Amino acid sequence: RRLYDKKIRVEMTFQAKEHLANIGYDEAYGARPLRRIFQKELEDYMATQMLMGAYREATIIKVDADNKKLVFQEELWEDYQPLNSLDKKEIENENLLITKEKVALLS
């Protein structure tokens, strides 16, 4: 939601998801370390980039994996619309986080 409010959308390839799942799984702990890996590999990098002003408004950040590391690519989000102008069907199609507050706005 915070990214959407800043007009930024993140799309992850299957390879990126698989990379995070592979390094975030531990035989002894299962998937519990996954949250730390997600934060270290994805959130920390993106937060740093945002603080440096690297991402413009209306941006799609595509995340892929290459040589056992995440690769970030930025492109223009041409069909961006403010959240309250989208209908419920479009939100579901975009796979956005839907909260009770957002649904209430659309009802």
Protein backbone atom coordinates (compact mmCIF):
# COMPACT_ATOMS: atom_id res chain seq x y z
CA ARG A 1 0.00 0.00 0.00
CA ARG A 2 2.80 2.44 0.85
CA LEU A 3 4.34 1.86 -2.56
CA TYR A 4 1.01 2.26 -4.33
CA ASP A 5 0.45 5.56 -2.54
CA LYS A 6 3.79 6.68 -4.00
CA LYS A 7 2.60 5.48 -7.43
CA ILE A 8 5.08 2.59 -7.46
CA ARG A 9 4.22 -1.00 -8.32
CA VAL A 10 6.49 -4.03 -7.89
CA GLU A 11 6.32 -7.05 -10.19
CA MET A 12 8.38 -10.15 -9.45
CA THR A 13 9.25 -12.86 -11.95
CA PHE A 14 8.97 -16.52 -11.08
CA GLN A 15 12.79 -16.66 -10.97
CA ALA A 16 12.91 -13.88 -8.36
CA LYS A 17 10.30 -15.61 -6.20
CA GLU A 18 12.11 -18.92 -6.57
CA HIS A 19 15.42 -17.28 -5.63
CA LEU A 20 13.92 -15.84 -2.42
CA ALA A 21 12.25 -19.15 -1.59
CA ASN A 22 15.49 -21.09 -2.10
CA ILE A 23 17.65 -18.86 0.07
CA GLY A 24 14.89 -18.30 2.62
CA TYR A 25 14.26 -21.95 3.40
CA ASP A 26 16.15 -23.74 6.16
CA GLU A 27 15.77 -27.48 6.88
CA ALA A 28 15.69 -26.88 10.62
CA TYR A 29 13.38 -23.85 10.63
CA GLY A 30 11.33 -24.30 7.47
CA ALA A 31 10.30 -21.01 5.86
CA ARG A 32 10.67 -18.90 9.02
CA PRO A 33 13.92 -17.26 7.81
CA LEU A 34 12.11 -16.17 4.63
CA ARG A 35 10.91 -12.90 6.17
CA ARG A 36 14.49 -11.84 6.99
CA ILE A 37 15.67 -12.79 3.51
CA PHE A 38 12.80 -10.88 1.91
CA GLN A 39 13.70 -7.80 3.96
CA LYS A 40 17.44 -8.09 3.29
CA GLU A 41 17.25 -8.89 -0.42
CA LEU A 42 14.27 -6.78 -1.48
CA GLU A 43 12.93 -4.28 1.05
CA ASP A 44 16.26 -2.84 2.23
CA TYR A 45 17.46 -2.25 -1.33
CA MET A 46 14.20 -0.65 -2.43
CA ALA A 47 13.98 1.53 0.68
CA THR A 48 17.51 2.81 0.07
CA GLN A 49 16.69 3.55 -3.57
CA MET A 50 13.53 5.40 -2.58
CA LEU A 51 15.38 7.51 -0.01
CA MET A 52 17.91 8.43 -2.70
CA GLY A 53 15.05 9.43 -5.02
CA ALA A 54 15.89 6.76 -7.57
CA TYR A 55 12.27 5.87 -8.36
CA ARG A 56 10.00 8.34 -10.11
CA GLU A 57 6.25 8.50 -9.63
CA ALA A 58 4.16 6.15 -11.77
CA THR A 59 6.90 3.52 -11.91
CA ILE A 60 6.84 -0.26 -12.20
CA ILE A 61 9.83 -1.95 -10.59
CA LYS A 62 10.40 -5.35 -12.17
CA VAL A 63 12.35 -7.75 -9.98
CA ASP A 64 14.14 -10.71 -11.56
CA ALA A 65 16.94 -13.03 -10.46
CA ASP A 66 20.23 -13.48 -12.27
CA ASN A 67 23.33 -15.31 -11.05
CA LYS A 68 21.84 -15.86 -7.60
CA LYS A 69 20.99 -12.21 -6.97
CA LEU A 70 17.99 -9.98 -7.50
CA VAL A 71 18.01 -7.58 -10.44
CA PHE A 72 15.81 -4.47 -10.43
CA GLN A 73 14.56 -2.76 -13.57
CA GLU A 74 12.41 0.35 -13.70
CA GLU A 75 9.81 1.24 -16.31
CA LEU A 76 7.04 3.80 -16.68
CA TRP A 77 3.62 2.82 -15.27
CA GLU A 78 1.59 4.25 -18.13
CA ASP A 79 -1.88 3.22 -16.98
CA TYR A 80 -1.52 4.38 -13.35
CA GLN A 81 -4.75 5.64 -11.79
CA PRO A 82 -5.28 6.91 -8.25
CA LEU A 83 -6.68 4.10 -6.13
CA ASN A 84 -10.08 5.68 -5.52
CA SER A 85 -10.65 5.96 -9.28
CA LEU A 86 -10.24 2.22 -9.81
CA ASP A 87 -13.17 -0.10 -9.50
CA LYS A 88 -13.05 -3.24 -7.37
CA LYS A 89 -12.60 -5.55 -10.41
CA GLU A 90 -9.56 -3.61 -11.64
CA ILE A 91 -7.97 -3.77 -8.20
CA GLU A 92 -8.37 -7.54 -8.08
CA ASN A 93 -6.96 -7.83 -11.61
CA GLU A 94 -3.91 -5.81 -10.60
CA ASN A 95 -3.25 -8.15 -7.64
CA LEU A 96 -2.99 -5.19 -5.29
CA LEU A 97 -3.29 -5.42 -1.56
CA ILE A 98 -6.96 -4.97 -0.77
CA THR A 99 -7.82 -3.60 2.64
CA LYS A 100 -11.23 -3.03 4.21
CA GLU A 101 -10.65 0.71 3.91
CA LYS A 102 -10.00 0.49 0.17
CA VAL A 103 -13.05 -1.67 -0.41
CA ALA A 104 -15.15 0.81 1.60
CA LEU A 105 -13.93 3.63 -0.65
CA LEU A 106 -15.04 1.69 -3.70
CA SER A 107 -18.45 0.64 -2.39
